[in-house]
Amino acid sequence: MIKIFLFIIIGYCILKYVFPFLLKFLISRITRDVHEEFSKKSNMNSTKNKPKSSNIGEYIDYEEVD
């Protein structure tokens, strides 16, 4: 009976004191990973070859027909 009671108290103390630090660590790690992935994707988008104005073609202005 005493072993079960001690186990419950020790488990409670571990959850009370260790879990907040573990949760902060996991959240900071996940946000860092997401930030890195976002940075990679934004860098890839900015480095893509954009067509030059000479390769685009001419602009055709279509008028509305009644």
PDB file of N, CA and C in Angstrom:
ATOM      1  N   MET A   1       0.826  -1.195   0.000  1.00  0.00           N
ATOM      2  CA  MET A   1       0.000   0.000   0.000  1.00  0.00           C
ATOM      3  C   MET A   1       0.870   1.258   0.000  1.00  0.00           C
ATOM      4  N   ILE A   2       1.936   1.224   0.799  1.00  0.00           N
ATOM      5  CA  ILE A   2       2.827   2.384   0.880  1.00  0.00           C
ATOM      6  C   ILE A   2       3.591   2.556  -0.434  1.00  0.00           C
ATOM      7  N   LYS A   3       3.947   1.432  -1.084  1.00  0.00           N
ATOM      8  CA  LYS A   3       4.658   1.511  -2.353  1.00  0.00           C
ATOM      9  C   LYS A   3       3.796   2.199  -3.412  1.00  0.00           C
ATOM     10  N   ILE A   4       2.535   1.878  -3.448  1.00  0.00           N
ATOM     11  CA  ILE A   4       1.626   2.485  -4.421  1.00  0.00           C
ATOM     12  C   ILE A   4       1.488   3.978  -4.138  1.00  0.00           C
ATOM     13  N   PHE A   5       1.348   4.329  -2.864  1.00  0.00           N
ATOM     14  CA  PHE A   5       1.226   5.728  -2.480  1.00  0.00           C
ATOM     15  C   PHE A   5       2.488   6.515  -2.846  1.00  0.00           C
ATOM     16  N   LEU A   6       3.678   5.954  -2.576  1.00  0.00           N
ATOM     17  CA  LEU A   6       4.928   6.606  -2.942  1.00  0.00           C
ATOM     18  C   LEU A   6       5.064   6.739  -4.461  1.00  0.00           C
ATOM     19  N   PHE A   7       4.669   5.719  -5.178  1.00  0.00           N
ATOM     20  CA  PHE A   7       4.723   5.748  -6.635  1.00  0.00           C
ATOM     21  C   PHE A   7       3.841   6.869  -7.186  1.00  0.00           C
ATOM     22  N   ILE A   8       2.660   7.015  -6.608  1.00  0.00           N
ATOM     23  CA  ILE A   8       1.751   8.079  -7.056  1.00  0.00           C
ATOM     24  C   ILE A   8       2.344   9.458  -6.738  1.00  0.00           C
ATOM     25  N   ILE A   9       2.897   9.631  -5.558  1.00  0.00           N
ATOM     26  CA  ILE A   9       3.488  10.918  -5.175  1.00  0.00           C
ATOM     27  C   ILE A   9       4.704  11.239  -6.047  1.00  0.00           C
ATOM     28  N   ILE A  10       5.574  10.270  -6.276  1.00  0.00           N
ATOM     29  CA  ILE A  10       6.757  10.501  -7.114  1.00  0.00           C
ATOM     30  C   ILE A  10       6.328  10.803  -8.547  1.00  0.00           C
ATOM     31  N   GLY A  11       5.352  10.080  -9.040  1.00  0.00           N
ATOM     32  CA  GLY A  11       4.840  10.349 -10.390  1.00  0.00           C
ATOM     33  C   GLY A  11       4.252  11.739 -10.492  1.00  0.00           C
ATOM     34  N   TYR A  12       3.533  12.158  -9.505  1.00  0.00           N
ATOM     35  CA  TYR A  12       2.950  13.502  -9.486  1.00  0.00           C
ATOM     36  C   TYR A  12       4.048  14.567  -9.485  1.00  0.00           C
ATOM     37  N   CYS A  13       5.069  14.376  -8.667  1.00  0.00           N
ATOM     38  CA  CYS A  13       6.163  15.352  -8.607  1.00  0.00           C
ATOM     39  C   CYS A  13       6.913  15.419  -9.937  1.00  0.00           C
ATOM     40  N   ILE A  14       7.137  14.271 -10.541  1.00  0.00           N
ATOM     41  CA  ILE A  14       7.815  14.264 -11.841  1.00  0.00           C
ATOM     42  C   ILE A  14       6.980  15.017 -12.870  1.00  0.00           C
ATOM     43  N   LEU A  15       5.698  14.741 -12.914  1.00  0.00           N
ATOM     44  CA  LEU A  15       4.840  15.436 -13.868  1.00  0.00           C
ATOM     45  C   LEU A  15       4.765  16.928 -13.581  1.00  0.00           C
ATOM     46  N   LYS A  16       4.738  17.280 -12.315  1.00  0.00           N
ATOM     47  CA  LYS A  16       4.593  18.683 -11.934  1.00  0.00           C
ATOM     48  C   LYS A  16       5.840  19.502 -12.254  1.00  0.00           C
ATOM     49  N   TYR A  17       7.037  18.931 -12.059  1.00  0.00           N
ATOM     50  CA  TYR A  17       8.258  19.702 -12.215  1.00  0.00           C
ATOM     51  C   TYR A  17       8.990  19.449 -13.535  1.00  0.00           C
ATOM     52  N   VAL A  18       8.906  18.265 -14.080  1.00  0.00           N
ATOM     53  CA  VAL A  18       9.654  17.933 -15.292  1.00  0.00           C
ATOM     54  C   VAL A  18       8.831  18.198 -16.546  1.00  0.00           C
ATOM     55  N   PHE A  19       7.559  17.936 -16.511  1.00  0.00           N
ATOM     56  CA  PHE A  19       6.716  18.063 -17.696  1.00  0.00           C
ATOM     57  C   PHE A  19       6.701  19.466 -18.290  1.00  0.00           C
ATOM     58  N   PRO A  20       6.629  20.553 -17.491  1.00  0.00           N
ATOM     59  CA  PRO A  20       6.664  21.892 -18.106  1.00  0.00           C
ATOM     60  C   PRO A  20       7.955  22.159 -18.889  1.00  0.00           C
ATOM     61  N   PHE A  21       9.095  21.733 -18.357  1.00  0.00           N
ATOM     62  CA  PHE A  21      10.358  21.926 -19.071  1.00  0.00           C
ATOM     63  C   PHE A  21      10.402  21.085 -20.340  1.00  0.00           C
ATOM     64  N   LEU A  22       9.898  19.873 -20.258  1.00  0.00           N
ATOM     65  CA  LEU A  22       9.854  19.003 -21.423  1.00  0.00           C
ATOM     66  C   LEU A  22       8.930  19.578 -22.490  1.00  0.00           C
ATOM     67  N   LEU A  23       7.803  20.108 -22.071  1.00  0.00           N
ATOM     68  CA  LEU A  23       6.857  20.705 -23.007  1.00  0.00           C
ATOM     69  C   LEU A  23       7.459  21.941 -23.680  1.00  0.00           C
ATOM     70  N   LYS A  24       8.126  22.806 -22.917  1.00  0.00           N
ATOM     71  CA  LYS A  24       8.778  23.985 -23.496  1.00  0.00           C
ATOM     72  C   LYS A  24       9.853  23.565 -24.493  1.00  0.00           C
ATOM     73  N   PHE A  25      10.614  22.547 -24.151  1.00  0.00           N
ATOM     74  CA  PHE A  25      11.673  22.061 -25.044  1.00  0.00           C
ATOM     75  C   PHE A  25      11.084  21.550 -26.346  1.00  0.00           C
ATOM     76  N   LEU A  26      10.029  20.751 -26.264  1.00  0.00           N
ATOM     77  CA  LEU A  26       9.416  20.203 -27.473  1.00  0.00           C
ATOM     78  C   LEU A  26       8.801  21.295 -28.342  1.00  0.00           C
ATOM     79  N   ILE A  27       8.137  22.251 -27.734  1.00  0.00           N
ATOM     80  CA  ILE A  27       7.520  23.342 -28.503  1.00  0.00           C
ATOM     81  C   ILE A  27       8.594  24.186 -29.186  1.00  0.00           C
ATOM     82  N   SER A  28       9.675  24.511 -28.479  1.00  0.00           N
ATOM     83  CA  SER A  28      10.737  25.316 -29.089  1.00  0.00           C
ATOM     84  C   SER A  28      11.411  24.560 -30.225  1.00  0.00           C
ATOM     85  N   ARG A  29      11.571  23.274 -30.065  1.00  0.00           N
ATOM     86  CA  ARG A  29      12.197  22.474 -31.131  1.00  0.00           C
ATOM     87  C   ARG A  29      11.298  22.401 -32.362  1.00  0.00           C
ATOM     88  N   ILE A  30      10.012  22.206 -32.157  1.00  0.00           N
ATOM     89  CA  ILE A  30       9.073  22.136 -33.283  1.00  0.00           C
ATOM     90  C   ILE A  30       9.014  23.478 -34.004  1.00  0.00           C
ATOM     91  N   THR A  31       8.952  24.575 -33.262  1.00  0.00           N
ATOM     92  CA  THR A  31       8.893  25.890 -33.907  1.00  0.00           C
ATOM     93  C   THR A  31      10.182  26.184 -34.668  1.00  0.00           C
ATOM     94  N   ARG A  32      11.322  25.749 -34.135  1.00  0.00           N
ATOM     95  CA  ARG A  32      12.594  25.953 -34.840  1.00  0.00           C
ATOM     96  C   ARG A  32      12.613  25.164 -36.141  1.00  0.00           C
ATOM     97  N   ASP A  33      12.151  23.924 -36.106  1.00  0.00           N
ATOM     98  CA  ASP A  33      12.118  23.106 -37.318  1.00  0.00           C
ATOM     99  C   ASP A  33      11.184  23.700 -38.364  1.00  0.00           C
ATOM    100  N   VAL A  34      10.034  24.176 -37.939  1.00  0.00           N
ATOM    101  CA  VAL A  34       9.078  24.777 -38.879  1.00  0.00           C
ATOM    102  C   VAL A  34       9.670  26.049 -39.474  1.00  0.00           C
ATOM    103  N   HIS A  35      10.345  26.836 -38.643  1.00  0.00           N
ATOM    104  CA  HIS A  35      10.970  28.068 -39.133  1.00  0.00           C
ATOM    105  C   HIS A  35      12.047  27.750 -40.176  1.00  0.00           C
ATOM    106  N   GLU A  36      12.846  26.715 -39.928  1.00  0.00           N
ATOM    107  CA  GLU A  36      13.880  26.321 -40.888  1.00  0.00           C
ATOM    108  C   GLU A  36      13.264  25.856 -42.203  1.00  0.00           C
ATOM    109  N   GLU A  37      12.204  25.070 -42.132  1.00  0.00           N
ATOM    110  CA  GLU A  37      11.541  24.601 -43.353  1.00  0.00           C
ATOM    111  C   GLU A  37      10.953  25.777 -44.127  1.00  0.00           C
ATOM    112  N   PHE A  38      10.354  26.720 -43.426  1.00  0.00           N
ATOM    113  CA  PHE A  38       9.781  27.893 -44.077  1.00  0.00           C
ATOM    114  C   PHE A  38      10.875  28.717 -44.747  1.00  0.00           C
ATOM    115  N   SER A  39      12.015  28.851 -44.076  1.00  0.00           N
ATOM    116  CA  SER A  39      13.135  29.609 -44.636  1.00  0.00           C
ATOM    117  C   SER A  39      13.667  28.929 -45.899  1.00  0.00           C
ATOM    118  N   LYS A  40      13.759  27.605 -45.874  1.00  0.00           N
ATOM    119  CA  LYS A  40      14.236  26.871 -47.054  1.00  0.00           C
ATOM    120  C   LYS A  40      13.301  27.075 -48.231  1.00  0.00           C
ATOM    121  N   LYS A  41      11.999  26.965 -47.973  1.00  0.00           N
ATOM    122  CA  LYS A  41      11.029  27.110 -49.064  1.00  0.00           C
ATOM    123  C   LYS A  41      11.012  28.522 -49.606  1.00  0.00           C
ATOM    124  N   SER A  42      11.131  29.519 -48.732  1.00  0.00           N
ATOM    125  CA  SER A  42      11.118  30.899 -49.213  1.00  0.00           C
ATOM    126  C   SER A  42      12.389  31.200 -50.002  1.00  0.00           C
ATOM    127  N   ASN A  43      13.517  30.614 -49.595  1.00  0.00           N
ATOM    128  CA  ASN A  43      14.756  30.804 -50.354  1.00  0.00           C
ATOM    129  C   ASN A  43      14.661  30.135 -51.713  1.00  0.00           C
ATOM    130  N   MET A  44      14.031  28.984 -51.776  1.00  0.00           N
ATOM    131  CA  MET A  44      13.885  28.291 -53.054  1.00  0.00           C
ATOM    132  C   MET A  44      12.986  29.089 -53.987  1.00  0.00           C
ATOM    133  N   ASN A  45      11.935  29.686 -53.455  1.00  0.00           N
ATOM    134  CA  ASN A  45      11.024  30.481 -54.284  1.00  0.00           C
ATOM    135  C   ASN A  45      11.708  31.733 -54.808  1.00  0.00           C
ATOM    136  N   SER A  46      12.541  32.353 -54.012  1.00  0.00           N
ATOM    137  CA  SER A  46      13.184  33.593 -54.435  1.00  0.00           C
ATOM    138  C   SER A  46      14.308  33.331 -55.427  1.00  0.00           C
ATOM    139  N   THR A  47      14.883  32.130 -55.417  1.00  0.00           N
ATOM    140  CA  THR A  47      15.997  31.848 -56.317  1.00  0.00           C
ATOM    141  C   THR A  47      15.550  31.229 -57.634  1.00  0.00           C
ATOM    142  N   LYS A  48      14.273  30.996 -57.820  1.00  0.00           N
ATOM    143  CA  LYS A  48      13.802  30.451 -59.084  1.00  0.00           C
ATOM    144  C   LYS A  48      14.052  31.454 -60.195  1.00  0.00           C
ATOM    145  N   ASN A  49      14.278  30.915 -61.399  1.00  0.00           N
ATOM    146  CA  ASN A  49      14.506  31.797 -62.538  1.00  0.00           C
ATOM    147  C   ASN A  49      13.200  32.444 -62.948  1.00  0.00           C
ATOM    148  N   LYS A  50      13.202  33.745 -62.918  1.00  0.00           N
ATOM    149  CA  LYS A  50      12.017  34.484 -63.340  1.00  0.00           C
ATOM    150  C   LYS A  50      12.212  34.856 -64.806  1.00  0.00           C
ATOM    151  N   PRO A  51      11.164  34.799 -65.598  1.00  0.00           N
ATOM    152  CA  PRO A  51      11.326  35.121 -67.017  1.00  0.00           C
ATOM    153  C   PRO A  51      11.667  36.593 -67.194  1.00  0.00           C
ATOM    154  N   LYS A  52      12.553  36.835 -68.135  1.00  0.00           N
ATOM    155  CA  LYS A  52      12.927  38.212 -68.432  1.00  0.00           C
ATOM    156  C   LYS A  52      11.832  38.834 -69.280  1.00  0.00           C
ATOM    157  N   SER A  53      11.793  40.141 -69.271  1.00  0.00           N
ATOM    158  CA  SER A  53      10.727  40.835 -69.989  1.00  0.00           C
ATOM    159  C   SER A  53      10.804  40.571 -71.489  1.00  0.00           C
ATOM    160  N   SER A  54      11.977  40.284 -72.023  1.00  0.00           N
ATOM    161  CA  SER A  54      12.098  40.024 -73.461  1.00  0.00           C
ATOM    162  C   SER A  54      11.536  38.650 -73.828  1.00  0.00           C
ATOM    163  N   ASN A  55      11.434  37.740 -72.877  1.00  0.00           N
ATOM    164  CA  ASN A  55      10.949  36.396 -73.153  1.00  0.00           C
ATOM    165  C   ASN A  55       9.451  36.248 -72.916  1.00  0.00           C
ATOM    166  N   ILE A  56       8.825  37.244 -72.354  1.00  0.00           N
ATOM    167  CA  ILE A  56       7.421  37.134 -71.976  1.00  0.00           C
ATOM    168  C   ILE A  56       6.520  37.175 -73.196  1.00  0.00           C
ATOM    169  N   GLY A  57       6.748  38.053 -74.119  1.00  0.00           N
ATOM    170  CA  GLY A  57       5.891  38.198 -75.290  1.00  0.00           C
ATOM    171  C   GLY A  57       5.244  39.561 -75.276  1.00  0.00           C
ATOM    172  N   GLU A  58       4.443  39.820 -76.276  1.00  0.00           N
ATOM    173  CA  GLU A  58       3.832  41.137 -76.345  1.00  0.00           C
ATOM    174  C   GLU A  58       2.467  41.133 -75.669  1.00  0.00           C
ATOM    175  N   TYR A  59       2.059  42.275 -75.210  1.00  0.00           N
ATOM    176  CA  TYR A  59       0.793  42.445 -74.527  1.00  0.00           C
ATOM    177  C   TYR A  59      -0.293  42.717 -75.543  1.00  0.00           C
ATOM    178  N   ILE A  60      -1.366  41.964 -75.449  1.00  0.00           N
ATOM    179  CA  ILE A  60      -2.500  42.157 -76.360  1.00  0.00           C
ATOM    180  C   ILE A  60      -3.658  42.694 -75.545  1.00  0.00           C
ATOM    181  N   ASP A  61      -4.190  43.850 -75.961  1.00  0.00           N
ATOM    182  CA  ASP A  61      -5.289  44.479 -75.262  1.00  0.00           C
ATOM    183  C   ASP A  61      -6.595  44.091 -75.965  1.00  0.00           C
ATOM    184  N   TYR A  62      -7.377  43.261 -75.317  1.00  0.00           N
ATOM    185  CA  TYR A  62      -8.639  42.822 -75.887  1.00  0.00           C
ATOM    186  C   TYR A  62      -9.725  43.796 -75.503  1.00  0.00           C
ATOM    187  N   GLU A  63     -10.488  44.213 -76.469  1.00  0.00           N
ATOM    188  CA  GLU A  63     -11.596  45.130 -76.185  1.00  0.00           C
ATOM    189  C   GLU A  63     -12.870  44.334 -76.045  1.00  0.00           C
ATOM    190  N   GLU A  64     -13.743  44.861 -75.256  1.00  0.00           N
ATOM    191  CA  GLU A  64     -15.017  44.194 -75.023  1.00  0.00           C
ATOM    192  C   GLU A  64     -15.923  44.343 -76.248  1.00  0.00           C
ATOM    193  N   VAL A  65     -16.489  43.243 -76.716  1.00  0.00           N
ATOM    194  CA  VAL A  65     -17.362  43.249 -77.900  1.00  0.00           C
ATOM    195  C   VAL A  65     -18.801  43.243 -77.425  1.00  0.00           C
ATOM    196  N   ASP A  66     -19.614  44.183 -78.012  1.00  0.00           N
ATOM    197  CA  ASP A  66     -21.027  44.255 -77.618  1.00  0.00           C
ATOM    198  C   ASP A  66     -21.847  43.284 -78.424  1.00  0.00           C
TER     199      ASP A  66
END
